[in-house]
Amino acid sequence: MKLTRREFAAGIAAGLAAPTVITSARAQAATIKIGMCAPVTGPAAESGGYAIKGAKLALEAVNKAGGILGKQAELIIEDDQTTNPGIVLAFSKLAAQSDIVAFLGSIRSTQVHAISPDVMKLGKPVMIGGTDPTLTHMGNQWLFRFRPNDSYSGRVIADYGVNVLGKKKWAVLHSTDAFGTAGGKALSAALEKLGAPAVLDQGYANQSQDFTPVVLAIKQSGADILGSYFTFENDLGIFARQLRQLGVNIPWVGSPSIVNITALKLAGPALYGTYGVADYAEESSEGSKSFGKAYRDLAKVAPDNQSSWPYDAVTVLAAAINKAGSTDPVKVREAILSIKKFPGAEGEYNFDQNGDGLHGYNIVRNEKGTIVFDKHIEFND
């Protein structure tokens, strides 16, 4: 299913102030229901609001263009509380509703790991944003990723820092959860291949309030560049301010959280001059630009990957179900995996048999609070 610009615009205009559960066709006997786990509460509640807006934006456009299998669609949201137990409970509540045909999971790898056994047991498609490479390589055929995984981000961070910025003494900083550990390993492995092994590999616990020991370790390591994988934007904001306060001003290339709107708000000038790999960059494609304009009109803030991947997930899922002509999970799975050259907000989707739709990253830089697109790097191996 492809939306014309007119249909897209009309869909956005129709009822964007809708409540969390969208029921634009109550008069019909049946609708197509999509479940969504999102952090309505907890430390990621602000970014969760952005994710919900992104999903709503897509659903309204889909419904305006004719819906899914000729029916209007509903988005059923459960609060994952930004915790692993929270998302397990949220997913179980959604999974208990037999008429929900597919789901949106989490952007956080550790939460996707937490629900993965239940996803496999249920046997219905779950769209995810977590970037731990193992998520789509552990035998769970029901996970479909709408962001590029960190086997790509590590290579891009390393290549840009070594070959463009000319730095070879790296401090690698990462959270100790599934996302951070996998990202840190991917970056360290990429640096080894470039002949620039990290002089410091430093982990930290999520929800830390004092990063002074971490900053001092970076300072004492003699590193001339920092590469990071932060799970939560509030942690990144605290760290960035303490890093600058303690006089560390080396170049910094971070994972996508370094350009998330919440992190930019929290860190402010402490992130000026930094670089990041970003799966969503507004100027990277026509699809990214169109989404950016529509999202700004809705949310009154700049878009980021918190909103772009749920937008793409709903759009691609709707197209796949219509292509399959059925909500049968196996047929929908096959239809998603067959999608090629599908233009989305995050980039062009070409699904492989593991369920990964994207295979590259954008390099961006923070110019006094404005995220500026540099270039896109795509991998074909």
Protein backbone atom coordinates (compact mmCIF):
# COMPACT_ATOMS: atom_id res chain seq x y z
CA MET A 1 0.00 0.00 0.00
CA LYS A 2 1.36 3.38 -0.99
CA LEU A 3 -0.06 6.68 0.20
CA THR A 4 -0.25 9.68 -2.09
CA ARG A 5 0.94 13.01 -0.68
CA ARG A 6 -2.68 14.19 -0.61
CA GLU A 7 -3.86 11.11 1.28
CA PHE A 8 -0.91 11.39 3.65
CA ALA A 9 -1.67 15.03 4.44
CA ALA A 10 -5.37 14.35 4.82
CA GLY A 11 -4.69 11.47 7.18
CA ILE A 12 -2.50 13.62 9.39
CA ALA A 13 -5.12 16.33 9.57
CA ALA A 14 -7.85 13.95 10.65
CA GLY A 15 -8.05 13.61 14.39
CA LEU A 16 -4.47 13.89 15.57
CA ALA A 17 -5.79 14.83 18.97
CA ALA A 18 -7.22 11.33 19.26
CA PRO A 19 -6.95 9.53 22.61
CA THR A 20 -4.44 6.76 23.26
CA VAL A 21 -6.82 4.13 21.92
CA ILE A 22 -7.76 5.23 18.42
CA THR A 23 -11.25 4.12 17.42
CA SER A 24 -12.03 6.15 14.35
CA ALA A 25 -14.53 3.58 13.09
CA ARG A 26 -16.57 2.51 16.10
CA ALA A 27 -19.61 2.15 13.88
CA GLN A 28 -18.00 -0.78 12.12
CA ALA A 29 -18.45 -4.25 13.51
CA ALA A 30 -14.75 -4.96 13.51
CA THR A 31 -11.45 -3.16 13.34
CA ILE A 32 -7.84 -4.26 12.94
CA LYS A 33 -6.12 -3.98 16.33
CA ILE A 34 -2.42 -3.32 16.81
CA GLY A 35 -0.90 -3.51 20.29
CA MET A 36 1.88 -1.20 21.48
CA CYS A 37 4.11 -1.38 24.55
CA ALA A 38 5.35 2.13 25.39
CA PRO A 39 6.89 3.90 28.42
CA VAL A 40 3.94 6.01 29.56
CA THR A 41 5.58 6.24 33.00
CA GLY A 42 9.15 5.82 34.24
CA PRO A 43 12.40 7.56 33.24
CA ALA A 44 11.62 7.31 29.50
CA ALA A 45 8.06 8.63 29.70
CA GLU A 46 8.87 11.73 27.63
CA SER A 47 10.37 9.70 24.79
CA GLY A 48 7.46 7.29 25.11
CA GLY A 49 5.12 10.16 24.33
CA TYR A 50 7.09 10.83 21.16
CA ALA A 51 6.85 7.15 20.17
CA ILE A 52 3.08 7.13 20.63
CA LYS A 53 2.72 10.29 18.53
CA GLY A 54 4.78 8.68 15.76
CA ALA A 55 2.59 5.57 15.75
CA LYS A 56 -0.60 7.67 15.80
CA LEU A 57 0.63 9.76 12.91
CA ALA A 58 1.09 6.67 10.76
CA LEU A 59 -2.17 5.05 11.81
CA GLU A 60 -4.23 8.11 10.97
CA ALA A 61 -2.68 8.26 7.50
CA VAL A 62 -3.28 4.53 6.97
CA ASN A 63 -6.91 4.83 8.06
CA LYS A 64 -7.51 7.85 5.85
CA ALA A 65 -6.10 5.93 2.88
CA GLY A 66 -8.52 3.04 3.33
CA GLY A 67 -7.25 1.25 6.39
CA ILE A 68 -6.07 -2.35 6.63
CA LEU A 69 -7.98 -4.98 4.64
CA GLY A 70 -10.68 -2.37 4.16
CA LYS A 71 -11.16 -1.86 7.90
CA GLN A 72 -10.08 0.95 10.17
CA ALA A 73 -7.27 0.21 12.61
CA GLU A 74 -6.95 0.74 16.36
CA LEU A 75 -3.82 1.27 18.42
CA ILE A 76 -4.06 -0.38 21.86
CA ILE A 77 -1.36 0.89 24.22
CA GLU A 78 -0.06 -0.60 27.47
CA ASP A 79 2.47 1.12 29.75
CA ASP A 80 5.79 -0.74 29.92
CA GLN A 81 6.94 1.53 32.80
CA THR A 82 10.45 1.66 31.23
CA THR A 83 11.35 -1.58 33.02
CA ASN A 84 11.78 -5.21 32.05
CA PRO A 85 9.07 -6.49 34.43
CA GLY A 86 6.85 -3.65 33.21
CA ILE A 87 7.09 -4.61 29.56
CA VAL A 88 6.57 -8.31 30.34
CA LEU A 89 3.32 -7.37 32.08
CA ALA A 90 2.30 -4.93 29.35
CA PHE A 91 2.91 -7.47 26.60
CA SER A 92 1.05 -10.19 28.47
CA LYS A 93 -2.00 -7.92 28.75
CA LEU A 94 -1.92 -7.22 25.03
CA ALA A 95 -1.20 -10.83 24.07
CA ALA A 96 -4.27 -11.95 26.03
CA GLN A 97 -6.44 -10.02 23.56
CA SER A 98 -6.82 -12.53 20.74
CA ASP A 99 -8.05 -9.96 18.24
CA ILE A 100 -4.75 -8.00 18.32
CA VAL A 101 -3.00 -9.05 15.11
CA ALA A 102 0.52 -7.62 15.68
CA PHE A 103 2.49 -5.53 18.15
CA LEU A 104 5.00 -2.74 18.55
CA GLY A 105 7.61 -3.63 21.15
CA SER A 106 10.40 -1.50 22.60
CA ILE A 107 13.27 0.65 21.35
CA ARG A 108 15.33 -0.79 24.23
CA SER A 109 17.09 -4.08 23.57
CA THR A 110 17.00 -5.22 27.19
CA GLN A 111 13.19 -4.95 27.16
CA VAL A 112 12.91 -6.84 23.86
CA HIS A 113 15.02 -9.63 25.35
CA ALA A 114 12.64 -9.69 28.33
CA ILE A 115 9.54 -10.33 26.21
CA SER A 116 11.20 -12.49 23.54
CA PRO A 117 10.18 -15.87 25.10
CA ASP A 118 6.55 -14.73 25.29
CA VAL A 119 6.71 -13.39 21.72
CA MET A 120 7.92 -16.77 20.47
CA LYS A 121 5.24 -18.58 22.44
CA LEU A 122 2.48 -16.31 21.09
CA GLY A 123 3.59 -16.56 17.45
CA LYS A 124 2.50 -13.16 16.16
CA PRO A 125 4.59 -10.40 14.51
CA VAL A 126 6.27 -7.91 16.87
CA MET A 127 7.93 -4.77 15.49
CA ILE A 128 10.97 -3.65 17.51
CA GLY A 129 13.44 -0.78 17.73
CA GLY A 130 16.11 -2.43 19.90
CA THR A 131 19.50 -2.55 18.20
CA ASP A 132 21.31 -5.43 19.94
CA PRO A 133 22.36 -7.54 16.90
CA THR A 134 21.49 -10.82 18.65
CA LEU A 135 17.77 -9.98 18.82
CA THR A 136 17.19 -11.10 15.23
CA HIS A 137 19.76 -13.89 15.38
CA MET A 138 18.52 -16.04 18.27
CA GLY A 139 15.88 -18.10 16.51
CA ASN A 140 12.84 -15.91 17.19
CA GLN A 141 11.12 -15.57 13.81
CA TRP A 142 8.51 -13.10 15.09
CA LEU A 143 10.77 -10.09 15.73
CA PHE A 144 11.10 -7.49 12.96
CA ARG A 145 13.54 -4.64 13.44
CA PHE A 146 12.83 -1.07 12.28
CA ARG A 147 16.23 0.41 13.09
CA PRO A 148 19.67 -0.71 11.90
CA ASN A 149 21.42 -2.94 14.41
CA ASP A 150 24.63 -2.12 16.26
CA SER A 151 26.88 -4.29 14.14
CA TYR A 152 26.49 -1.37 11.73
CA SER A 153 26.63 1.48 14.24
CA GLY A 154 29.90 0.24 15.75
CA ARG A 155 31.53 0.14 12.34
CA VAL A 156 30.31 3.63 11.44
CA ILE A 157 31.42 5.19 14.76
CA ALA A 158 34.87 3.60 14.46
CA ASP A 159 35.33 4.47 10.80
CA TYR A 160 34.30 8.09 11.27
CA GLY A 161 36.45 8.63 14.35
CA VAL A 162 39.57 6.98 12.95
CA ASN A 163 39.44 7.84 9.25
CA VAL A 164 37.63 11.20 9.27
CA LEU A 165 38.55 12.70 12.65
CA GLY A 166 41.97 11.01 12.69
CA LYS A 167 41.77 9.77 16.30
CA LYS A 168 43.18 6.44 17.46
CA LYS A 169 43.22 6.50 21.28
CA TRP A 170 39.65 5.56 22.12
CA ALA A 171 37.69 5.44 25.36
CA VAL A 172 34.64 3.22 24.87
CA LEU A 173 31.80 3.92 27.32
CA HIS A 174 28.64 1.83 27.49
CA SER A 175 25.80 0.79 29.75
CA THR A 176 26.09 -2.71 31.18
CA ASP A 177 22.67 -3.84 29.92
CA ALA A 178 22.09 -5.89 26.75
CA PHE A 179 22.12 -2.87 24.45
CA GLY A 180 25.22 -1.23 25.90
CA THR A 181 27.21 -4.44 26.19
CA ALA A 182 26.49 -5.43 22.59
CA GLY A 183 27.19 -1.92 21.31
CA GLY A 184 30.43 -1.64 23.23
CA LYS A 185 31.59 -4.99 21.86
CA ALA A 186 30.68 -3.99 18.30
CA LEU A 187 32.61 -0.72 18.58
CA SER A 188 35.66 -2.35 20.19
CA ALA A 189 35.73 -5.04 17.50
CA ALA A 190 35.51 -2.42 14.74
CA LEU A 191 38.36 -0.43 16.33
CA GLU A 192 40.52 -3.55 16.53
CA LYS A 193 40.09 -4.10 12.79
CA LEU A 194 41.15 -0.51 12.13
CA GLY A 195 44.28 -0.91 14.21
CA ALA A 196 43.06 1.40 16.97
CA PRO A 197 42.17 -0.80 19.96
CA ALA A 198 40.41 1.00 22.81
CA VAL A 199 42.66 2.28 25.61
CA LEU A 200 39.64 2.14 27.95
CA ASP A 201 36.51 -0.04 27.95
CA GLN A 202 34.27 1.40 30.65
CA GLY A 203 30.82 0.17 31.67
CA TYR A 204 28.29 2.00 33.84
CA ALA A 205 24.99 1.11 35.53
CA ASN A 206 21.76 2.57 34.16
CA GLN A 207 20.15 5.36 36.22
CA SER A 208 23.47 6.50 37.68
CA GLN A 209 23.39 9.91 39.33
CA ASP A 210 27.14 10.50 39.59
CA PHE A 211 29.49 9.79 36.68
CA THR A 212 32.54 11.39 38.31
CA PRO A 213 34.51 8.09 38.60
CA VAL A 214 33.73 7.32 34.94
CA VAL A 215 34.84 10.77 33.78
CA LEU A 216 38.06 10.52 35.80
CA ALA A 217 38.80 7.11 34.27
CA ILE A 218 38.39 8.61 30.79
CA LYS A 219 40.58 11.57 31.72
CA GLN A 220 43.32 9.35 33.16
CA SER A 221 43.29 6.93 30.20
CA GLY A 222 44.84 9.46 27.86
CA ALA A 223 42.09 8.90 25.29
CA ASP A 224 41.80 11.49 22.55
CA ILE A 225 38.26 10.47 21.50
CA LEU A 226 35.17 9.02 23.18
CA GLY A 227 32.71 6.51 21.72
CA SER A 228 29.54 5.80 23.69
CA TYR A 229 26.42 3.65 23.93
CA PHE A 230 23.88 5.16 26.35
CA THR A 231 20.56 3.41 26.92
CA PHE A 232 18.74 6.26 28.68
CA GLU A 233 18.79 9.90 27.70
CA ASN A 234 18.73 11.12 31.32
CA ASP A 235 21.97 9.22 32.02
CA LEU A 236 23.55 10.74 28.94
CA GLY A 237 22.49 14.24 30.00
CA ILE A 238 24.02 13.88 33.47
CA PHE A 239 27.23 12.38 32.09
CA ALA A 240 27.64 15.06 29.40
CA ARG A 241 27.38 17.91 31.91
CA GLN A 242 29.81 16.24 34.35
CA LEU A 243 32.23 15.44 31.51
CA ARG A 244 32.48 19.11 30.55
CA GLN A 245 32.53 20.32 34.16
CA LEU A 246 35.59 18.18 34.80
CA GLY A 247 37.36 19.61 31.79
CA VAL A 248 37.18 16.74 29.31
CA ASN A 249 36.66 18.19 25.83
CA ILE A 250 37.84 15.43 23.50
CA PRO A 251 35.78 14.60 20.38
CA TRP A 252 32.78 12.41 21.13
CA VAL A 253 30.94 10.10 18.71
CA GLY A 254 27.87 8.49 20.25
CA SER A 255 25.14 5.98 19.50
CA PRO A 256 21.71 7.33 18.46
CA SER A 257 20.74 8.42 22.00
CA ILE A 258 23.22 11.32 21.71
CA VAL A 259 20.89 13.06 19.25
CA ASN A 260 17.54 12.21 20.88
CA ILE A 261 15.44 15.25 21.70
CA THR A 262 15.27 14.42 25.41
CA ALA A 263 19.08 14.15 25.64
CA LEU A 264 19.52 17.43 23.79
CA LYS A 265 17.18 19.15 26.24
CA LEU A 266 18.91 17.70 29.31
CA ALA A 267 22.52 18.24 28.21
CA GLY A 268 22.20 21.50 26.28
CA PRO A 269 25.60 23.06 25.46
CA ALA A 270 27.44 20.05 26.93
CA LEU A 271 26.66 18.20 23.69
CA TYR A 272 27.61 21.01 21.31
CA GLY A 273 30.23 19.84 18.84
CA THR A 274 29.57 16.13 19.34
CA TYR A 275 28.89 13.59 16.59
CA GLY A 276 26.45 10.75 16.44
CA VAL A 277 25.25 7.85 14.37
CA ALA A 278 21.56 8.35 13.74
CA ASP A 279 19.13 5.96 12.13
CA TYR A 280 16.79 8.94 11.67
CA ALA A 281 18.17 12.15 10.16
CA GLU A 282 15.64 14.61 8.84
CA GLU A 283 17.63 15.68 5.77
CA SER A 284 18.75 12.19 4.74
CA SER A 285 15.89 11.39 2.32
CA GLU A 286 12.60 12.68 0.96
CA GLY A 287 10.73 10.25 3.21
CA SER A 288 12.61 11.56 6.25
CA LYS A 289 11.82 15.15 5.30
CA SER A 290 8.10 14.43 4.80
CA PHE A 291 7.84 12.69 8.14
CA GLY A 292 9.81 15.47 9.83
CA LYS A 293 7.43 18.17 8.64
CA ALA A 294 4.33 16.18 9.60
CA TYR A 295 5.72 15.32 13.02
CA ARG A 296 6.76 18.89 13.77
CA ASP A 297 3.22 20.03 12.95
CA LEU A 298 1.85 17.47 15.41
CA ALA A 299 4.34 17.42 18.28
CA LYS A 300 5.79 20.97 18.03
CA VAL A 301 9.29 19.50 18.53
CA ALA A 302 11.93 18.16 16.17
CA PRO A 303 11.54 14.46 15.28
CA ASP A 304 14.01 11.76 16.31
CA ASN A 305 14.19 7.98 16.23
CA GLN A 306 11.81 7.64 19.18
CA SER A 307 8.99 8.68 16.85
CA SER A 308 10.30 7.64 13.43
CA TRP A 309 10.64 3.90 13.96
CA PRO A 310 7.07 3.42 15.34
CA TYR A 311 5.82 5.49 12.41
CA ASP A 312 7.59 3.19 9.96
CA ALA A 313 6.55 0.07 11.88
CA VAL A 314 2.85 0.89 11.59
CA THR A 315 3.17 1.92 7.93
CA VAL A 316 5.11 -1.21 6.91
CA LEU A 317 2.88 -3.50 8.98
CA ALA A 318 -0.25 -2.10 7.31
CA ALA A 319 1.31 -2.53 3.87
CA ALA A 320 2.34 -6.11 4.69
CA ILE A 321 -1.10 -7.15 5.95
CA ASN A 322 -2.72 -5.66 2.86
CA LYS A 323 -0.17 -7.44 0.67
CA ALA A 324 -0.84 -10.73 2.46
CA GLY A 325 -4.60 -10.20 2.17
CA SER A 326 -4.89 -11.71 5.63
CA THR A 327 -4.01 -11.23 9.30
CA ASP A 328 -2.75 -14.82 9.51
CA PRO A 329 0.58 -14.47 11.36
CA VAL A 330 2.55 -16.71 8.99
CA LYS A 331 1.28 -14.88 5.91
CA VAL A 332 1.99 -11.48 7.50
CA ARG A 333 5.50 -12.63 8.44
CA GLU A 334 6.19 -13.71 4.86
CA ALA A 335 4.84 -10.41 3.53
CA ILE A 336 7.07 -8.34 5.84
CA LEU A 337 10.18 -10.32 4.85
CA SER A 338 9.36 -9.81 1.17
CA ILE A 339 9.32 -6.01 1.45
CA LYS A 340 12.07 -4.36 -0.61
CA LYS A 341 12.87 -0.74 -1.49
CA PHE A 342 10.11 0.57 0.79
CA PRO A 343 10.72 4.28 1.52
CA GLY A 344 10.27 5.10 5.19
CA ALA A 345 11.11 7.88 7.61
CA GLU A 346 14.19 5.96 8.78
CA GLY A 347 15.35 5.03 5.29
CA GLU A 348 14.73 2.44 2.61
CA TYR A 349 13.53 -0.88 3.97
CA ASN A 350 14.92 -4.08 2.49
CA PHE A 351 14.13 -6.91 4.88
CA ASP A 352 16.50 -9.85 5.15
CA GLN A 353 15.47 -13.28 6.37
CA ASN A 354 16.52 -12.43 9.93
CA GLY A 355 13.93 -9.65 10.16
CA ASP A 356 16.31 -6.69 9.82
CA GLY A 357 14.87 -3.97 7.59
CA LEU A 358 17.69 -1.40 7.59
CA HIS A 359 21.41 -1.85 6.99
CA GLY A 360 23.13 1.49 7.40
CA TYR A 361 23.48 4.64 9.51
CA ASN A 362 23.66 8.39 9.13
CA ILE A 363 26.47 10.50 10.54
CA VAL A 364 25.25 13.73 12.11
CA ARG A 365 26.80 16.52 14.19
CA ASN A 366 25.48 18.83 16.88
CA GLU A 367 25.91 22.44 15.83
CA LYS A 368 24.86 24.46 18.87
CA GLY A 369 21.80 22.33 19.46
CA THR A 370 20.85 21.77 15.83
CA ILE A 371 21.43 18.27 14.45
CA VAL A 372 23.02 18.54 11.01
CA PHE A 373 23.12 15.63 8.56
CA ASP A 374 26.56 14.76 7.19
CA LYS A 375 26.29 11.53 5.21
CA HIS A 376 24.67 8.09 5.03
CA ILE A 377 26.73 4.91 5.12
CA GLU A 378 25.07 1.74 3.82
CA PHE A 379 26.42 -1.81 4.18
CA ASN A 380 25.77 -4.62 1.75
CA ASP A 381 27.67 -7.42 3.50
